[in-house]
Amino acid sequence: MTDLAEKPPLYDRLGGEAGIAAYVDRFYEIMQGDPEAEPIWRMHTRDLDDLKARLRAFLAGFVGGPAVYPQLYGAPMMRARHLPFPIDIEARDLWMNCALRALADTVQDRDAALEFARGLANFANHMRNTEG
């Protein structure tokens, strides 16, 4: 019989609050600094500190950590919140490129990184709201 010990939650394997914060900081550094990501960077007109705080809160719950986002901002409804922005295949791919680069730079646990990447890809596909 094989001992199938449960894996810790993805949140913990990503480094908890500090790991999520490092990921979010790197994600926005990449997005802000990569000329190819400029079309999606233009969509971010709000205060960067606020954007980072919101993404940290959302991702914590997204990966099985504390459900901080609803406590601070209400129901996530991320697709509805992003409807004002045209998110097509190109925007999705630019976002995913930044997300995966940040993941490669900040997450050492290969299994956790792959699991997170799959979740981010599903999320990015869900966020599409226009053709193309």
C-alpha atoms as a PDB file:
ATOM      1  CA  MET A   1       0.000   0.000   0.000  1.00  0.00           C
ATOM      2  CA  THR A   2       1.347   3.425  -0.930  1.00  0.00           C
ATOM      3  CA  ASP A   3       1.365   6.197   1.620  1.00  0.00           C
ATOM      4  CA  LEU A   4      -0.404   9.068  -0.109  1.00  0.00           C
ATOM      5  CA  ALA A   5       0.253  11.934   2.252  1.00  0.00           C
ATOM      6  CA  GLU A   6      -1.725  15.021   1.402  1.00  0.00           C
ATOM      7  CA  LYS A   7       0.223  17.854  -0.150  1.00  0.00           C
ATOM      8  CA  PRO A   8       0.127  21.157   1.686  1.00  0.00           C
ATOM      9  CA  PRO A   9      -2.168  23.751   0.078  1.00  0.00           C
ATOM     10  CA  LEU A  10      -0.772  25.469  -2.998  1.00  0.00           C
ATOM     11  CA  TYR A  11      -0.728  28.726  -1.031  1.00  0.00           C
ATOM     12  CA  ASP A  12       1.809  27.232   1.381  1.00  0.00           C
ATOM     13  CA  ARG A  13       3.884  25.648  -1.387  1.00  0.00           C
ATOM     14  CA  LEU A  14       4.095  29.043  -3.101  1.00  0.00           C
ATOM     15  CA  GLY A  15       5.508  30.568   0.087  1.00  0.00           C
ATOM     16  CA  GLY A  16       2.357  31.915   1.694  1.00  0.00           C
ATOM     17  CA  GLU A  17       1.844  35.652   1.983  1.00  0.00           C
ATOM     18  CA  ALA A  18       5.517  36.454   1.304  1.00  0.00           C
ATOM     19  CA  GLY A  19       5.623  34.188  -1.754  1.00  0.00           C
ATOM     20  CA  ILE A  20       2.461  35.718  -3.218  1.00  0.00           C
ATOM     21  CA  ALA A  21       3.819  39.223  -2.561  1.00  0.00           C
ATOM     22  CA  ALA A  22       7.109  38.407  -4.310  1.00  0.00           C
ATOM     23  CA  TYR A  23       5.210  36.948  -7.267  1.00  0.00           C
ATOM     24  CA  VAL A  24       2.918  39.994  -7.577  1.00  0.00           C
ATOM     25  CA  ASP A  25       5.826  42.445  -7.325  1.00  0.00           C
ATOM     26  CA  ARG A  26       7.739  40.588 -10.027  1.00  0.00           C
ATOM     27  CA  PHE A  27       4.625  40.274 -12.230  1.00  0.00           C
ATOM     28  CA  TYR A  28       4.105  44.039 -12.255  1.00  0.00           C
ATOM     29  CA  GLU A  29       7.836  44.726 -12.713  1.00  0.00           C
ATOM     30  CA  ILE A  30       7.787  42.564 -15.823  1.00  0.00           C
ATOM     31  CA  MET A  31       4.558  44.043 -17.150  1.00  0.00           C
ATOM     32  CA  GLN A  32       5.719  47.605 -16.552  1.00  0.00           C
ATOM     33  CA  GLY A  33       9.185  47.045 -18.010  1.00  0.00           C
ATOM     34  CA  ASP A  34       8.479  44.915 -21.082  1.00  0.00           C
ATOM     35  CA  PRO A  35       7.676  46.990 -24.189  1.00  0.00           C
ATOM     36  CA  GLU A  36       5.758  44.019 -25.627  1.00  0.00           C
ATOM     37  CA  ALA A  37       3.431  44.097 -22.615  1.00  0.00           C
ATOM     38  CA  GLU A  38       2.617  47.779 -23.153  1.00  0.00           C
ATOM     39  CA  PRO A  39      -0.919  47.088 -24.497  1.00  0.00           C
ATOM     40  CA  ILE A  40      -1.934  45.401 -21.254  1.00  0.00           C
ATOM     41  CA  TRP A  41       0.081  47.778 -19.071  1.00  0.00           C
ATOM     42  CA  ARG A  42      -2.021  50.669 -20.489  1.00  0.00           C
ATOM     43  CA  MET A  43      -5.109  48.993 -19.012  1.00  0.00           C
ATOM     44  CA  HIS A  44      -3.673  49.547 -15.527  1.00  0.00           C
ATOM     45  CA  THR A  45      -4.603  53.166 -14.881  1.00  0.00           C
ATOM     46  CA  ARG A  46      -5.041  52.855 -11.128  1.00  0.00           C
ATOM     47  CA  ASP A  47      -2.544  53.277  -8.344  1.00  0.00           C
ATOM     48  CA  LEU A  48       0.020  50.462  -8.627  1.00  0.00           C
ATOM     49  CA  ASP A  49       0.097  49.915  -4.859  1.00  0.00           C
ATOM     50  CA  ASP A  50      -3.675  49.380  -4.887  1.00  0.00           C
ATOM     51  CA  LEU A  51      -3.442  47.017  -7.865  1.00  0.00           C
ATOM     52  CA  LYS A  52      -0.764  44.974  -6.127  1.00  0.00           C
ATOM     53  CA  ALA A  53      -2.778  44.792  -2.906  1.00  0.00           C
ATOM     54  CA  ARG A  54      -5.868  43.624  -4.800  1.00  0.00           C
ATOM     55  CA  LEU A  55      -3.953  40.998  -6.776  1.00  0.00           C
ATOM     56  CA  ARG A  56      -2.227  39.701  -3.632  1.00  0.00           C
ATOM     57  CA  ALA A  57      -5.603  39.423  -1.900  1.00  0.00           C
ATOM     58  CA  PHE A  58      -7.211  37.686  -4.869  1.00  0.00           C
ATOM     59  CA  LEU A  59      -4.362  35.248  -5.441  1.00  0.00           C
ATOM     60  CA  ALA A  60      -4.225  34.262  -1.769  1.00  0.00           C
ATOM     61  CA  GLY A  61      -7.745  32.859  -2.000  1.00  0.00           C
ATOM     62  CA  PHE A  62      -7.240  31.600  -5.550  1.00  0.00           C
ATOM     63  CA  VAL A  63      -4.470  29.249  -4.411  1.00  0.00           C
ATOM     64  CA  GLY A  64      -6.127  28.035  -1.235  1.00  0.00           C
ATOM     65  CA  GLY A  65      -4.953  30.604   1.272  1.00  0.00           C
ATOM     66  CA  PRO A  66      -7.006  33.051   3.282  1.00  0.00           C
ATOM     67  CA  ALA A  67     -10.046  34.531   1.549  1.00  0.00           C
ATOM     68  CA  VAL A  68      -8.847  38.102   1.971  1.00  0.00           C
ATOM     69  CA  TYR A  69     -10.283  39.603  -1.208  1.00  0.00           C
ATOM     70  CA  PRO A  70     -13.990  39.276  -0.298  1.00  0.00           C
ATOM     71  CA  GLN A  71     -13.341  40.753   3.148  1.00  0.00           C
ATOM     72  CA  LEU A  72     -11.645  43.816   1.673  1.00  0.00           C
ATOM     73  CA  TYR A  73     -13.304  44.337  -1.706  1.00  0.00           C
ATOM     74  CA  GLY A  74     -16.454  42.213  -1.895  1.00  0.00           C
ATOM     75  CA  ALA A  75     -17.086  39.287  -4.210  1.00  0.00           C
ATOM     76  CA  PRO A  76     -14.217  38.936  -6.698  1.00  0.00           C
ATOM     77  CA  MET A  77     -16.335  38.819  -9.893  1.00  0.00           C
ATOM     78  CA  MET A  78     -13.066  39.290 -11.799  1.00  0.00           C
ATOM     79  CA  ARG A  79     -14.531  38.860 -15.265  1.00  0.00           C
ATOM     80  CA  ALA A  80     -17.199  41.489 -14.587  1.00  0.00           C
ATOM     81  CA  ARG A  81     -14.594  43.844 -13.101  1.00  0.00           C
ATOM     82  CA  HIS A  82     -12.523  43.539 -16.274  1.00  0.00           C
ATOM     83  CA  LEU A  83     -15.346  43.961 -18.818  1.00  0.00           C
ATOM     84  CA  PRO A  84     -14.412  47.616 -19.460  1.00  0.00           C
ATOM     85  CA  PHE A  85     -11.098  46.373 -20.884  1.00  0.00           C
ATOM     86  CA  PRO A  86     -10.943  44.525 -24.204  1.00  0.00           C
ATOM     87  CA  ILE A  87      -9.304  41.207 -23.385  1.00  0.00           C
ATOM     88  CA  ASP A  88      -8.713  39.156 -26.516  1.00  0.00           C
ATOM     89  CA  ILE A  89      -6.328  36.300 -27.247  1.00  0.00           C
ATOM     90  CA  GLU A  90      -3.394  38.690 -27.684  1.00  0.00           C
ATOM     91  CA  ALA A  91      -4.062  40.423 -24.354  1.00  0.00           C
ATOM     92  CA  ARG A  92      -4.481  37.044 -22.671  1.00  0.00           C
ATOM     93  CA  ASP A  93      -1.197  35.817 -24.103  1.00  0.00           C
ATOM     94  CA  LEU A  94       0.665  38.993 -23.099  1.00  0.00           C
ATOM     95  CA  TRP A  95      -0.717  38.673 -19.571  1.00  0.00           C
ATOM     96  CA  MET A  96       0.205  34.996 -19.408  1.00  0.00           C
ATOM     97  CA  ASN A  97       3.722  35.756 -20.631  1.00  0.00           C
ATOM     98  CA  CYS A  98       4.204  38.184 -17.735  1.00  0.00           C
ATOM     99  CA  ALA A  99       2.571  35.738 -15.311  1.00  0.00           C
ATOM    100  CA  LEU A 100       4.748  32.804 -16.342  1.00  0.00           C
ATOM    101  CA  ARG A 101       7.947  34.835 -16.309  1.00  0.00           C
ATOM    102  CA  ALA A 102       7.157  36.069 -12.806  1.00  0.00           C
ATOM    103  CA  LEU A 103       6.397  32.509 -11.775  1.00  0.00           C
ATOM    104  CA  ALA A 104       9.734  31.266 -13.127  1.00  0.00           C
ATOM    105  CA  ASP A 105      11.537  34.051 -11.261  1.00  0.00           C
ATOM    106  CA  THR A 106       9.835  33.579  -7.897  1.00  0.00           C
ATOM    107  CA  VAL A 107       8.682  29.976  -7.372  1.00  0.00           C
ATOM    108  CA  GLN A 108      11.252  27.251  -6.773  1.00  0.00           C
ATOM    109  CA  ASP A 109       8.839  24.335  -6.215  1.00  0.00           C
ATOM    110  CA  ARG A 110       8.357  22.952  -9.748  1.00  0.00           C
ATOM    111  CA  ASP A 111       5.119  21.100  -8.944  1.00  0.00           C
ATOM    112  CA  ALA A 112       3.638  24.162  -7.265  1.00  0.00           C
ATOM    113  CA  ALA A 113       4.684  26.340 -10.213  1.00  0.00           C
ATOM    114  CA  LEU A 114       3.024  23.977 -12.696  1.00  0.00           C
ATOM    115  CA  GLU A 115      -0.170  23.810 -10.650  1.00  0.00           C
ATOM    116  CA  PHE A 116      -0.258  27.594 -10.325  1.00  0.00           C
ATOM    117  CA  ALA A 117       0.464  28.033 -14.046  1.00  0.00           C
ATOM    118  CA  ARG A 118      -2.470  25.759 -14.946  1.00  0.00           C
ATOM    119  CA  GLY A 119      -4.763  27.757 -12.692  1.00  0.00           C
ATOM    120  CA  LEU A 120      -3.547  31.055 -14.153  1.00  0.00           C
ATOM    121  CA  ALA A 121      -4.063  29.768 -17.706  1.00  0.00           C
ATOM    122  CA  ASN A 122      -7.639  28.754 -16.915  1.00  0.00           C
ATOM    123  CA  PHE A 123      -8.234  32.123 -15.280  1.00  0.00           C
ATOM    124  CA  ALA A 124      -6.739  34.019 -18.235  1.00  0.00           C
ATOM    125  CA  ASN A 125      -8.955  32.126 -20.678  1.00  0.00           C
ATOM    126  CA  HIS A 126     -11.991  32.894 -18.549  1.00  0.00           C
ATOM    127  CA  MET A 127     -11.158  36.610 -18.608  1.00  0.00           C
ATOM    128  CA  ARG A 128     -11.367  36.881 -22.399  1.00  0.00           C
ATOM    129  CA  ASN A 129     -14.270  39.095 -23.372  1.00  0.00           C
ATOM    130  CA  THR A 130     -13.724  39.845 -27.044  1.00  0.00           C
ATOM    131  CA  GLU A 131     -12.862  37.860 -30.128  1.00  0.00           C
ATOM    132  CA  GLY A 132      -9.442  37.885 -31.679  1.00  0.00           C
END
